[in-house]
PDB file of all heavy atoms in Angstrom:
ATOM      1  N   MET A   1      11.226  10.834 -24.231  1.00  0.00           N
ATOM      2  CA  MET A   1      12.057   9.681 -24.550  1.00  0.00           C
ATOM      3  C   MET A   1      13.164  10.133 -25.488  1.00  0.00           C
ATOM      4  O   MET A   1      12.890  10.545 -26.625  1.00  0.00           O
ATOM      5  CB  MET A   1      11.211   8.591 -25.214  1.00  0.00           C
ATOM      6  CG  MET A   1       9.921   8.280 -24.449  1.00  0.00           C
ATOM      7  SD  MET A   1       8.732   7.316 -25.420  1.00  0.00           S
ATOM      8  CE  MET A   1       9.534   5.737 -25.469  1.00  0.00           C
ATOM      9  N   ASN A   2      14.405  10.087 -25.011  1.00  0.00           N
ATOM     10  CA  ASN A   2      15.562  10.487 -25.808  1.00  0.00           C
ATOM     11  C   ASN A   2      16.475   9.289 -26.063  1.00  0.00           C
ATOM     12  O   ASN A   2      16.365   8.260 -25.392  1.00  0.00           O
ATOM     13  CB  ASN A   2      16.348  11.577 -25.084  1.00  0.00           C
ATOM     14  CG  ASN A   2      15.551  12.855 -24.891  1.00  0.00           C
ATOM     15  OD1 ASN A   2      14.670  13.184 -25.692  1.00  0.00           O
ATOM     16  ND2 ASN A   2      15.861  13.571 -23.827  1.00  0.00           N
ATOM     17  N   ALA A   3      17.377   9.446 -27.024  1.00  0.00           N
ATOM     18  CA  ALA A   3      18.351   8.390 -27.329  1.00  0.00           C
ATOM     19  C   ALA A   3      17.654   7.045 -27.495  1.00  0.00           C
ATOM     20  O   ALA A   3      18.086   6.035 -26.934  1.00  0.00           O
ATOM     21  CB  ALA A   3      19.427   8.329 -26.256  1.00  0.00           C
ATOM     22  N   LEU A   4      16.578   7.033 -28.265  1.00  0.00           N
ATOM     23  CA  LEU A   4      15.778   5.825 -28.405  1.00  0.00           C
ATOM     24  C   LEU A   4      16.552   4.704 -29.097  1.00  0.00           C
ATOM     25  O   LEU A   4      17.366   4.955 -30.000  1.00  0.00           O
ATOM     26  CB  LEU A   4      14.491   6.137 -29.152  1.00  0.00           C
ATOM     27  CG  LEU A   4      13.423   6.826 -28.291  1.00  0.00           C
ATOM     28  CD1 LEU A   4      12.386   7.523 -29.142  1.00  0.00           C
ATOM     29  CD2 LEU A   4      12.750   5.809 -27.370  1.00  0.00           C
ATOM     30  N   LYS A   5      16.272   3.486 -28.656  1.00  0.00           N
ATOM     31  CA  LYS A   5      16.929   2.291 -29.177  1.00  0.00           C
ATOM     32  C   LYS A   5      15.873   1.369 -29.793  1.00  0.00           C
ATOM     33  O   LYS A   5      14.706   1.425 -29.415  1.00  0.00           O
ATOM     34  CB  LYS A   5      17.633   1.547 -28.046  1.00  0.00           C
ATOM     35  CG  LYS A   5      18.618   2.375 -27.254  1.00  0.00           C
ATOM     36  CD  LYS A   5      19.164   1.581 -26.074  1.00  0.00           C
ATOM     37  CE  LYS A   5      20.145   2.403 -25.258  1.00  0.00           C
ATOM     38  NZ  LYS A   5      20.690   1.619 -24.114  1.00  0.00           N
ATOM     39  N   PRO A   6      16.290   0.496 -30.718  1.00  0.00           N
ATOM     40  CA  PRO A   6      15.307  -0.442 -31.289  1.00  0.00           C
ATOM     41  C   PRO A   6      14.562  -1.255 -30.229  1.00  0.00           C
ATOM     42  O   PRO A   6      13.374  -1.563 -30.407  1.00  0.00           O
ATOM     43  CB  PRO A   6      16.172  -1.344 -32.180  1.00  0.00           C
ATOM     44  CG  PRO A   6      17.295  -0.450 -32.596  1.00  0.00           C
ATOM     45  CD  PRO A   6      17.583   0.407 -31.393  1.00  0.00           C
ATOM     46  N   GLU A   7      15.220  -1.574 -29.135  1.00  0.00           N
ATOM     47  CA  GLU A   7      14.560  -2.358 -28.080  1.00  0.00           C
ATOM     48  C   GLU A   7      13.514  -1.562 -27.311  1.00  0.00           C
ATOM     49  O   GLU A   7      12.773  -2.140 -26.513  1.00  0.00           O
ATOM     50  CB  GLU A   7      15.589  -2.942 -27.099  1.00  0.00           C
ATOM     51  CG  GLU A   7      16.562  -1.949 -26.524  1.00  0.00           C
ATOM     52  CD  GLU A   7      17.889  -1.938 -27.282  1.00  0.00           C
ATOM     53  OE1 GLU A   7      17.870  -1.979 -28.538  1.00  0.00           O
ATOM     54  OE2 GLU A   7      18.933  -1.857 -26.605  1.00  0.00           O
ATOM     55  N   ASP A   8      13.429  -0.261 -27.547  1.00  0.00           N
ATOM     56  CA  ASP A   8      12.352   0.531 -26.943  1.00  0.00           C
ATOM     57  C   ASP A   8      11.050   0.397 -27.732  1.00  0.00           C
ATOM     58  O   ASP A   8      10.003   0.894 -27.293  1.00  0.00           O
ATOM     59  CB  ASP A   8      12.737   2.020 -26.906  1.00  0.00           C
ATOM     60  CG  ASP A   8      13.924   2.299 -26.004  1.00  0.00           C
ATOM     61  OD1 ASP A   8      14.002   1.691 -24.914  1.00  0.00           O
ATOM     62  OD2 ASP A   8      14.776   3.116 -26.393  1.00  0.00           O
ATOM     63  N   THR A   9      11.101  -0.256 -28.862  1.00  0.00           N
ATOM     64  CA  THR A   9       9.905  -0.459 -29.689  1.00  0.00           C
ATOM     65  C   THR A   9       8.839  -1.227 -28.927  1.00  0.00           C
ATOM     66  O   THR A   9       9.136  -2.149 -28.172  1.00  0.00           O
ATOM     67  CB  THR A   9      10.273  -1.232 -30.970  1.00  0.00           C
ATOM     68  OG1 THR A   9      11.095  -0.402 -31.779  1.00  0.00           O
ATOM     69  CG2 THR A   9       9.040  -1.641 -31.761  1.00  0.00           C
ATOM     70  N   GLY A  10       7.572  -0.822 -29.127  1.00  0.00           N
ATOM     71  CA  GLY A  10       6.460  -1.506 -28.498  1.00  0.00           C
ATOM     72  C   GLY A  10       5.320  -0.547 -28.230  1.00  0.00           C
ATOM     73  O   GLY A  10       5.346   0.610 -28.661  1.00  0.00           O
ATOM     74  N   VAL A  11       4.343  -1.041 -27.512  1.00  0.00           N
ATOM     75  CA  VAL A  11       3.201  -0.211 -27.112  1.00  0.00           C
ATOM     76  C   VAL A  11       3.461   0.330 -25.705  1.00  0.00           C
ATOM     77  O   VAL A  11       3.856  -0.422 -24.811  1.00  0.00           O
ATOM     78  CB  VAL A  11       1.885  -1.002 -27.147  1.00  0.00           C
ATOM     79  CG1 VAL A  11       0.718  -0.108 -26.744  1.00  0.00           C
ATOM     80  CG2 VAL A  11       1.654  -1.595 -28.527  1.00  0.00           C
ATOM     81  N   TYR A  12       3.241   1.612 -25.562  1.00  0.00           N
ATOM     82  CA  TYR A  12       3.416   2.262 -24.262  1.00  0.00           C
ATOM     83  C   TYR A  12       2.038   2.610 -23.696  1.00  0.00           C
ATOM     84  O   TYR A  12       1.222   3.257 -24.369  1.00  0.00           O
ATOM     85  CB  TYR A  12       4.278   3.510 -24.389  1.00  0.00           C
ATOM     86  CG  TYR A  12       5.738   3.169 -24.535  1.00  0.00           C
ATOM     87  CD1 TYR A  12       6.235   2.712 -25.738  1.00  0.00           C
ATOM     88  CD2 TYR A  12       6.614   3.256 -23.444  1.00  0.00           C
ATOM     89  CE1 TYR A  12       7.568   2.350 -25.890  1.00  0.00           C
ATOM     90  CE2 TYR A  12       7.955   2.899 -23.580  1.00  0.00           C
ATOM     91  CZ  TYR A  12       8.418   2.448 -24.796  1.00  0.00           C
ATOM     92  OH  TYR A  12       9.731   2.087 -24.920  1.00  0.00           O
ATOM     93  N   TYR A  13       1.826   2.167 -22.486  1.00  0.00           N
ATOM     94  CA  TYR A  13       0.567   2.415 -21.785  1.00  0.00           C
ATOM     95  C   TYR A  13       0.851   3.267 -20.549  1.00  0.00           C
ATOM     96  O   TYR A  13       1.844   3.058 -19.858  1.00  0.00           O
ATOM     97  CB  TYR A  13      -0.059   1.111 -21.290  1.00  0.00           C
ATOM     98  CG  TYR A  13      -0.394   0.112 -22.351  1.00  0.00           C
ATOM     99  CD1 TYR A  13       0.541  -0.821 -22.781  1.00  0.00           C
ATOM    100  CD2 TYR A  13      -1.674   0.066 -22.908  1.00  0.00           C
ATOM    101  CE1 TYR A  13       0.235  -1.758 -23.748  1.00  0.00           C
ATOM    102  CE2 TYR A  13      -1.997  -0.872 -23.868  1.00  0.00           C
ATOM    103  CZ  TYR A  13      -1.037  -1.774 -24.288  1.00  0.00           C
ATOM    104  OH  TYR A  13      -1.357  -2.711 -25.248  1.00  0.00           O
ATOM    105  N   CYS A  14      -0.033   4.209 -20.269  1.00  0.00           N
ATOM    106  CA  CYS A  14       0.028   4.847 -18.962  1.00  0.00           C
ATOM    107  C   CYS A  14      -1.072   4.244 -18.092  1.00  0.00           C
ATOM    108  O   CYS A  14      -2.078   3.727 -18.599  1.00  0.00           O
ATOM    109  CB  CYS A  14      -0.083   6.356 -19.032  1.00  0.00           C
ATOM    110  SG  CYS A  14      -1.653   7.013 -19.613  1.00  0.00           S
ATOM    111  N   ALA A  15      -0.852   4.288 -16.799  1.00  0.00           N
ATOM    112  CA  ALA A  15      -1.792   3.712 -15.852  1.00  0.00           C
ATOM    113  C   ALA A  15      -1.752   4.501 -14.553  1.00  0.00           C
ATOM    114  O   ALA A  15      -0.715   5.083 -14.215  1.00  0.00           O
ATOM    115  CB  ALA A  15      -1.463   2.247 -15.582  1.00  0.00           C
ATOM    116  N   ALA A  16      -2.850   4.506 -13.846  1.00  0.00           N
ATOM    117  CA  ALA A  16      -2.951   5.225 -12.580  1.00  0.00           C
ATOM    118  C   ALA A  16      -3.314   4.264 -11.465  1.00  0.00           C
ATOM    119  O   ALA A  16      -4.208   3.415 -11.624  1.00  0.00           O
ATOM    120  CB  ALA A  16      -4.008   6.321 -12.681  1.00  0.00           C
ATOM    121  N   ILE A  17      -2.616   4.404 -10.341  1.00  0.00           N
ATOM    122  CA  ILE A  17      -2.839   3.546  -9.191  1.00  0.00           C
ATOM    123  C   ILE A  17      -3.053   4.432  -7.970  1.00  0.00           C
ATOM    124  O   ILE A  17      -2.204   5.280  -7.663  1.00  0.00           O
ATOM    125  CB  ILE A  17      -1.645   2.615  -8.929  1.00  0.00           C
ATOM    126  CG1 ILE A  17      -1.155   1.995 -10.231  1.00  0.00           C
ATOM    127  CG2 ILE A  17      -2.018   1.539  -7.923  1.00  0.00           C
ATOM    128  CD1 ILE A  17       0.261   1.487 -10.194  1.00  0.00           C
ATOM    129  N   ARG A  18      -4.159   4.241  -7.270  1.00  0.00           N
ATOM    130  CA  ARG A  18      -4.455   5.032  -6.083  1.00  0.00           C
ATOM    131  C   ARG A  18      -3.504   4.665  -4.961  1.00  0.00           C
ATOM    132  O   ARG A  18      -3.260   3.493  -4.677  1.00  0.00           O
ATOM    133  CB  ARG A  18      -5.894   4.790  -5.652  1.00  0.00           C
ATOM    134  CG  ARG A  18      -6.383   5.608  -4.464  1.00  0.00           C
ATOM    135  CD  ARG A  18      -6.460   7.068  -4.758  1.00  0.00           C
ATOM    136  NE  ARG A  18      -7.293   7.801  -3.822  1.00  0.00           N
ATOM    137  CZ  ARG A  18      -6.859   8.335  -2.687  1.00  0.00           C
ATOM    138  NH1 ARG A  18      -5.593   8.164  -2.330  1.00  0.00           N
ATOM    139  NH2 ARG A  18      -7.683   8.991  -1.897  1.00  0.00           N
ATOM    140  N   VAL A  19      -2.967   5.677  -4.282  1.00  0.00           N
ATOM    141  CA  VAL A  19      -2.085   5.468  -3.139  1.00  0.00           C
ATOM    142  C   VAL A  19      -2.858   5.825  -1.884  1.00  0.00           C
ATOM    143  O   VAL A  19      -3.277   6.971  -1.709  1.00  0.00           O
ATOM    144  CB  VAL A  19      -0.816   6.324  -3.265  1.00  0.00           C
ATOM    145  CG1 VAL A  19       0.094   6.079  -2.067  1.00  0.00           C
ATOM    146  CG2 VAL A  19      -0.082   6.020  -4.567  1.00  0.00           C
ATOM    147  N   TRP A  20      -3.051   4.837  -0.998  1.00  0.00           N
ATOM    148  CA  TRP A  20      -3.841   5.064   0.219  1.00  0.00           C
ATOM    149  C   TRP A  20      -2.973   5.314   1.438  1.00  0.00           C
ATOM    150  O   TRP A  20      -3.352   6.019   2.341  1.00  0.00           O
ATOM    151  CB  TRP A  20      -4.764   3.870   0.468  1.00  0.00           C
ATOM    152  CG  TRP A  20      -5.843   3.762  -0.545  1.00  0.00           C
ATOM    153  CD1 TRP A  20      -5.874   2.921  -1.613  1.00  0.00           C
ATOM    154  CD2 TRP A  20      -7.053   4.519  -0.613  1.00  0.00           C
ATOM    155  NE1 TRP A  20      -7.029   3.110  -2.339  1.00  0.00           N
ATOM    156  CE2 TRP A  20      -7.778   4.088  -1.736  1.00  0.00           C
ATOM    157  CE3 TRP A  20      -7.602   5.529   0.178  1.00  0.00           C
ATOM    158  CZ2 TRP A  20      -9.011   4.612  -2.098  1.00  0.00           C
ATOM    159  CZ3 TRP A  20      -8.838   6.060  -0.177  1.00  0.00           C
ATOM    160  CH2 TRP A  20      -9.522   5.594  -1.304  1.00  0.00           C
ATOM    161  N   GLY A  21      -1.813   4.737   1.509  1.00  0.00           N
ATOM    162  CA  GLY A  21      -0.980   4.931   2.684  1.00  0.00           C
ATOM    163  C   GLY A  21       0.331   4.197   2.583  1.00  0.00           C
ATOM    164  O   GLY A  21       1.259   4.444   3.334  1.00  0.00           O
ATOM    165  N   ASP A  22       0.388   3.241   1.640  1.00  0.00           N
ATOM    166  CA  ASP A  22       1.633   2.519   1.424  1.00  0.00           C
ATOM    167  C   ASP A  22       2.614   3.385   0.646  1.00  0.00           C
ATOM    168  O   ASP A  22       2.254   4.440   0.107  1.00  0.00           O
ATOM    169  CB  ASP A  22       1.368   1.232   0.623  1.00  0.00           C
ATOM    170  CG  ASP A  22       0.439   0.292   1.357  1.00  0.00           C
ATOM    171  OD1 ASP A  22       0.834  -0.199   2.419  1.00  0.00           O
ATOM    172  OD2 ASP A  22      -0.687   0.084   0.873  1.00  0.00           O
ATOM    173  N   SER A  23       3.845   2.965   0.576  1.00  0.00           N
ATOM    174  CA  SER A  23       4.853   3.623  -0.250  1.00  0.00           C
ATOM    175  C   SER A  23       4.373   3.686  -1.697  1.00  0.00           C
ATOM    176  O   SER A  23       3.902   2.691  -2.244  1.00  0.00           O
ATOM    177  CB  SER A  23       6.167   2.839  -0.167  1.00  0.00           C
ATOM    178  OG  SER A  23       6.932   3.037  -1.333  1.00  0.00           O
ATOM    179  N   TRP A  24       4.498   4.859  -2.312  1.00  0.00           N
ATOM    180  CA  TRP A  24       4.030   5.005  -3.695  1.00  0.00           C
ATOM    181  C   TRP A  24       4.795   4.086  -4.627  1.00  0.00           C
ATOM    182  O   TRP A  24       4.241   3.571  -5.602  1.00  0.00           O
ATOM    183  CB  TRP A  24       4.153   6.472  -4.147  1.00  0.00           C
ATOM    184  CG  TRP A  24       5.541   7.028  -4.089  1.00  0.00           C
ATOM    185  CD1 TRP A  24       6.140   7.657  -3.039  1.00  0.00           C
ATOM    186  CD2 TRP A  24       6.533   6.965  -5.125  1.00  0.00           C
ATOM    187  NE1 TRP A  24       7.424   7.984  -3.356  1.00  0.00           N
ATOM    188  CE2 TRP A  24       7.700   7.595  -4.623  1.00  0.00           C
ATOM    189  CE3 TRP A  24       6.551   6.455  -6.424  1.00  0.00           C
ATOM    190  CZ2 TRP A  24       8.853   7.712  -5.384  1.00  0.00           C
ATOM    191  CZ3 TRP A  24       7.694   6.581  -7.170  1.00  0.00           C
ATOM    192  CH2 TRP A  24       8.840   7.203  -6.640  1.00  0.00           C
ATOM    193  N   LEU A  25       6.074   3.844  -4.345  1.00  0.00           N
ATOM    194  CA  LEU A  25       6.865   2.970  -5.212  1.00  0.00           C
ATOM    195  C   LEU A  25       6.430   1.519  -5.038  1.00  0.00           C
ATOM    196  O   LEU A  25       6.332   0.775  -6.017  1.00  0.00           O
ATOM    197  CB  LEU A  25       8.353   3.132  -4.923  1.00  0.00           C
ATOM    198  CG  LEU A  25       9.285   2.322  -5.832  1.00  0.00           C
ATOM    199  CD1 LEU A  25       9.022   2.630  -7.306  1.00  0.00           C
ATOM    200  CD2 LEU A  25      10.741   2.596  -5.473  1.00  0.00           C
ATOM    201  N   TRP A  26       6.130   1.127  -3.790  1.00  0.00           N
ATOM    202  CA  TRP A  26       5.632  -0.225  -3.543  1.00  0.00           C
ATOM    203  C   TRP A  26       4.304  -0.421  -4.289  1.00  0.00           C
ATOM    204  O   TRP A  26       4.059  -1.468  -4.882  1.00  0.00           O
ATOM    205  CB  TRP A  26       5.441  -0.447  -2.052  1.00  0.00           C
ATOM    206  CG  TRP A  26       5.007  -1.837  -1.710  1.00  0.00           C
ATOM    207  CD1 TRP A  26       5.802  -2.918  -1.433  1.00  0.00           C
ATOM    208  CD2 TRP A  26       3.660  -2.317  -1.637  1.00  0.00           C
ATOM    209  NE1 TRP A  26       5.029  -4.033  -1.185  1.00  0.00           N
ATOM    210  CE2 TRP A  26       3.710  -3.696  -1.301  1.00  0.00           C
ATOM    211  CE3 TRP A  26       2.417  -1.721  -1.814  1.00  0.00           C
ATOM    212  CZ2 TRP A  26       2.561  -4.473  -1.143  1.00  0.00           C
ATOM    213  CZ3 TRP A  26       1.273  -2.492  -1.660  1.00  0.00           C
ATOM    214  CH2 TRP A  26       1.357  -3.850  -1.334  1.00  0.00           C
ATOM    215  N   VAL A  27       3.474   0.589  -4.261  1.00  0.00           N
ATOM    216  CA  VAL A  27       2.193   0.523  -4.962  1.00  0.00           C
ATOM    217  C   VAL A  27       2.415   0.313  -6.453  1.00  0.00           C
ATOM    218  O   VAL A  27       1.773  -0.535  -7.081  1.00  0.00           O
ATOM    219  CB  VAL A  27       1.372   1.800  -4.697  1.00  0.00           C
ATOM    220  CG1 VAL A  27       0.196   1.905  -5.649  1.00  0.00           C
ATOM    221  CG2 VAL A  27       0.889   1.826  -3.251  1.00  0.00           C
ATOM    222  N   PHE A  28       3.340   1.072  -7.030  1.00  0.00           N
ATOM    223  CA  PHE A  28       3.621   0.956  -8.462  1.00  0.00           C
ATOM    224  C   PHE A  28       4.076  -0.451  -8.817  1.00  0.00           C
ATOM    225  O   PHE A  28       3.696  -1.000  -9.853  1.00  0.00           O
ATOM    226  CB  PHE A  28       4.689   1.971  -8.865  1.00  0.00           C
ATOM    227  CG  PHE A  28       5.193   1.841 -10.280  1.00  0.00           C
ATOM    228  CD1 PHE A  28       4.374   2.127 -11.355  1.00  0.00           C
ATOM    229  CD2 PHE A  28       6.496   1.435 -10.530  1.00  0.00           C
ATOM    230  CE1 PHE A  28       4.838   2.007 -12.668  1.00  0.00           C
ATOM    231  CE2 PHE A  28       6.978   1.306 -11.828  1.00  0.00           C
ATOM    232  CZ  PHE A  28       6.142   1.600 -12.901  1.00  0.00           C
ATOM    233  N   GLU A  29       4.883  -1.056  -7.978  1.00  0.00           N
ATOM    234  CA  GLU A  29       5.475  -2.358  -8.272  1.00  0.00           C
ATOM    235  C   GLU A  29       4.575  -3.530  -7.892  1.00  0.00           C
ATOM    236  O   GLU A  29       4.829  -4.652  -8.334  1.00  0.00           O
ATOM    237  CB  GLU A  29       6.822  -2.481  -7.559  1.00  0.00           C
ATOM    238  CG  GLU A  29       7.863  -1.500  -8.097  1.00  0.00           C
ATOM    239  CD  GLU A  29       9.203  -1.641  -7.404  1.00  0.00           C
ATOM    240  OE1 GLU A  29       9.226  -2.025  -6.218  1.00  0.00           O
ATOM    241  OE2 GLU A  29      10.227  -1.357  -8.048  1.00  0.00           O
ATOM    242  N   ASN A  30       3.521  -3.304  -7.108  1.00  0.00           N
ATOM    243  CA  ASN A  30       2.751  -4.437  -6.589  1.00  0.00           C
ATOM    244  C   ASN A  30       1.241  -4.376  -6.766  1.00  0.00           C
ATOM    245  O   ASN A  30       0.580  -5.410  -6.599  1.00  0.00           O
ATOM    246  CB  ASN A  30       3.038  -4.601  -5.087  1.00  0.00           C
ATOM    247  CG  ASN A  30       4.463  -4.995  -4.813  1.00  0.00           C
ATOM    248  OD1 ASN A  30       4.828  -6.157  -4.943  1.00  0.00           O
ATOM    249  ND2 ASN A  30       5.288  -4.030  -4.458  1.00  0.00           N
ATOM    250  N   VAL A  31       0.706  -3.220  -7.061  1.00  0.00           N
ATOM    251  CA  VAL A  31      -0.751  -3.082  -7.091  1.00  0.00           C
ATOM    252  C   VAL A  31      -1.255  -2.928  -8.519  1.00  0.00           C
ATOM    253  O   VAL A  31      -0.683  -2.171  -9.305  1.00  0.00           O
ATOM    254  CB  VAL A  31      -1.190  -1.872  -6.232  1.00  0.00           C
ATOM    255  CG1 VAL A  31      -2.715  -1.699  -6.293  1.00  0.00           C
ATOM    256  CG2 VAL A  31      -0.746  -2.045  -4.790  1.00  0.00           C
ATOM    257  N   GLU A  32      -2.300  -3.647  -8.837  1.00  0.00           N
ATOM    258  CA  GLU A  32      -2.903  -3.541 -10.171  1.00  0.00           C
ATOM    259  C   GLU A  32      -3.485  -2.140 -10.348  1.00  0.00           C
ATOM    260  O   GLU A  32      -4.202  -1.657  -9.484  1.00  0.00           O
ATOM    261  CB  GLU A  32      -4.010  -4.595 -10.329  1.00  0.00           C
ATOM    262  CG  GLU A  32      -4.683  -4.616 -11.693  1.00  0.00           C
ATOM    263  CD  GLU A  32      -3.751  -5.047 -12.813  1.00  0.00           C
ATOM    264  OE1 GLU A  32      -2.722  -5.699 -12.538  1.00  0.00           O
ATOM    265  OE2 GLU A  32      -4.069  -4.745 -13.983  1.00  0.00           O
ATOM    266  N   PRO A  33      -3.202  -1.488 -11.465  1.00  0.00           N
ATOM    267  CA  PRO A  33      -3.732  -0.140 -11.681  1.00  0.00           C
ATOM    268  C   PRO A  33      -5.256  -0.064 -11.657  1.00  0.00           C
ATOM    269  O   PRO A  33      -5.938  -1.008 -12.035  1.00  0.00           O
ATOM    270  CB  PRO A  33      -3.193   0.231 -13.064  1.00  0.00           C
ATOM    271  CG  PRO A  33      -1.915  -0.538 -13.178  1.00  0.00           C
ATOM    272  CD  PRO A  33      -2.222  -1.848 -12.507  1.00  0.00           C
ATOM    273  N   ASN A  34      -5.743   1.092 -11.236  1.00  0.00           N
ATOM    274  CA  ASN A  34      -7.175   1.352 -11.242  1.00  0.00           C
ATOM    275  C   ASN A  34      -7.691   1.596 -12.654  1.00  0.00           C
ATOM    276  O   ASN A  34      -8.853   1.326 -12.969  1.00  0.00           O
ATOM    277  CB  ASN A  34      -7.501   2.574 -10.378  1.00  0.00           C
ATOM    278  CG  ASN A  34      -7.123   2.365  -8.929  1.00  0.00           C
ATOM    279  OD1 ASN A  34      -6.018   2.693  -8.516  1.00  0.00           O
ATOM    280  ND2 ASN A  34      -8.019   1.807  -8.139  1.00  0.00           N
ATOM    281  N   VAL A  35      -6.805   2.150 -13.490  1.00  0.00           N
ATOM    282  CA  VAL A  35      -7.209   2.466 -14.857  1.00  0.00           C
ATOM    283  C   VAL A  35      -5.990   2.442 -15.770  1.00  0.00           C
ATOM    284  O   VAL A  35      -4.889   2.828 -15.355  1.00  0.00           O
ATOM    285  CB  VAL A  35      -7.919   3.843 -14.923  1.00  0.00           C
ATOM    286  CG1 VAL A  35      -7.032   4.956 -14.400  1.00  0.00           C
ATOM    287  CG2 VAL A  35      -8.428   4.147 -16.318  1.00  0.00           C
ATOM    288  N   TRP A  36      -6.213   1.950 -17.001  1.00  0.00           N
ATOM    289  CA  TRP A  36      -5.187   1.932 -18.044  1.00  0.00           C
ATOM    290  C   TRP A  36      -5.622   2.818 -19.212  1.00  0.00           C
ATOM    291  O   TRP A  36      -6.824   2.932 -19.505  1.00  0.00           O
ATOM    292  CB  TRP A  36      -5.007   0.517 -18.594  1.00  0.00           C
ATOM    293  CG  TRP A  36      -4.382  -0.469 -17.683  1.00  0.00           C
ATOM    294  CD1 TRP A  36      -5.024  -1.332 -16.831  1.00  0.00           C
ATOM    295  CD2 TRP A  36      -2.988  -0.742 -17.524  1.00  0.00           C
ATOM    296  NE1 TRP A  36      -4.110  -2.110 -16.171  1.00  0.00           N
ATOM    297  CE2 TRP A  36      -2.854  -1.778 -16.575  1.00  0.00           C
ATOM    298  CE3 TRP A  36      -1.832  -0.223 -18.115  1.00  0.00           C
ATOM    299  CZ2 TRP A  36      -1.613  -2.287 -16.192  1.00  0.00           C
ATOM    300  CZ3 TRP A  36      -0.600  -0.738 -17.728  1.00  0.00           C
ATOM    301  CH2 TRP A  36      -0.501  -1.746 -16.786  1.00  0.00           C
ATOM    302  N   GLY A  37      -4.645   3.397 -19.885  1.00  0.00           N
ATOM    303  CA  GLY A  37      -4.929   4.031 -21.162  1.00  0.00           C
ATOM    304  C   GLY A  37      -4.985   2.987 -22.259  1.00  0.00           C
ATOM    305  O   GLY A  37      -4.750   1.797 -22.024  1.00  0.00           O
ATOM    306  N   GLN A  38      -5.279   3.442 -23.463  1.00  0.00           N
ATOM    307  CA  GLN A  38      -5.468   2.523 -24.590  1.00  0.00           C
ATOM    308  C   GLN A  38      -4.147   2.121 -25.228  1.00  0.00           C
ATOM    309  O   GLN A  38      -4.111   1.175 -26.024  1.00  0.00           O
ATOM    310  CB  GLN A  38      -6.393   3.160 -25.643  1.00  0.00           C
ATOM    311  CG  GLN A  38      -5.711   4.115 -26.612  1.00  0.00           C
ATOM    312  CD  GLN A  38      -5.371   5.467 -26.009  1.00  0.00           C
ATOM    313  OE1 GLN A  38      -5.669   5.758 -24.850  1.00  0.00           O
ATOM    314  NE2 GLN A  38      -4.752   6.318 -26.829  1.00  0.00           N
ATOM    315  N   GLY A  39      -3.071   2.834 -24.906  1.00  0.00           N
ATOM    316  CA  GLY A  39      -1.757   2.525 -25.445  1.00  0.00           C
ATOM    317  C   GLY A  39      -1.437   3.335 -26.689  1.00  0.00           C
ATOM    318  O   GLY A  39      -2.335   3.749 -27.437  1.00  0.00           O
ATOM    319  N   THR A  40      -0.139   3.562 -26.892  1.00  0.00           N
ATOM    320  CA  THR A  40       0.335   4.256 -28.086  1.00  0.00           C
ATOM    321  C   THR A  40       1.585   3.539 -28.597  1.00  0.00           C
ATOM    322  O   THR A  40       2.445   3.168 -27.813  1.00  0.00           O
ATOM    323  CB  THR A  40       0.595   5.751 -27.807  1.00  0.00           C
ATOM    324  OG1 THR A  40       0.936   6.416 -29.027  1.00  0.00           O
ATOM    325  CG2 THR A  40       1.716   5.971 -26.794  1.00  0.00           C
ATOM    326  N   GLN A  41       1.650   3.338 -29.908  1.00  0.00           N
ATOM    327  CA  GLN A  41       2.729   2.562 -30.503  1.00  0.00           C
ATOM    328  C   GLN A  41       3.966   3.425 -30.707  1.00  0.00           C
ATOM    329  O   GLN A  41       3.883   4.536 -31.257  1.00  0.00           O
ATOM    330  CB  GLN A  41       2.283   1.986 -31.853  1.00  0.00           C
ATOM    331  CG  GLN A  41       3.358   1.248 -32.616  1.00  0.00           C
ATOM    332  CD  GLN A  41       3.746  -0.073 -31.978  1.00  0.00           C
ATOM    333  OE1 GLN A  41       2.898  -0.816 -31.486  1.00  0.00           O
ATOM    334  NE2 GLN A  41       5.048  -0.378 -31.966  1.00  0.00           N
TER     335      GLN A  41
END
């Protein structure tokens, strides 16, 4: 993360979503993740 702005403030979570055959981008935008991290401030 470069050139950070005050509006970038918040908790950042990573998440993983299994891709079975659909577009990976469609999966990211429409499918609930299989697992979430705990987040980092």
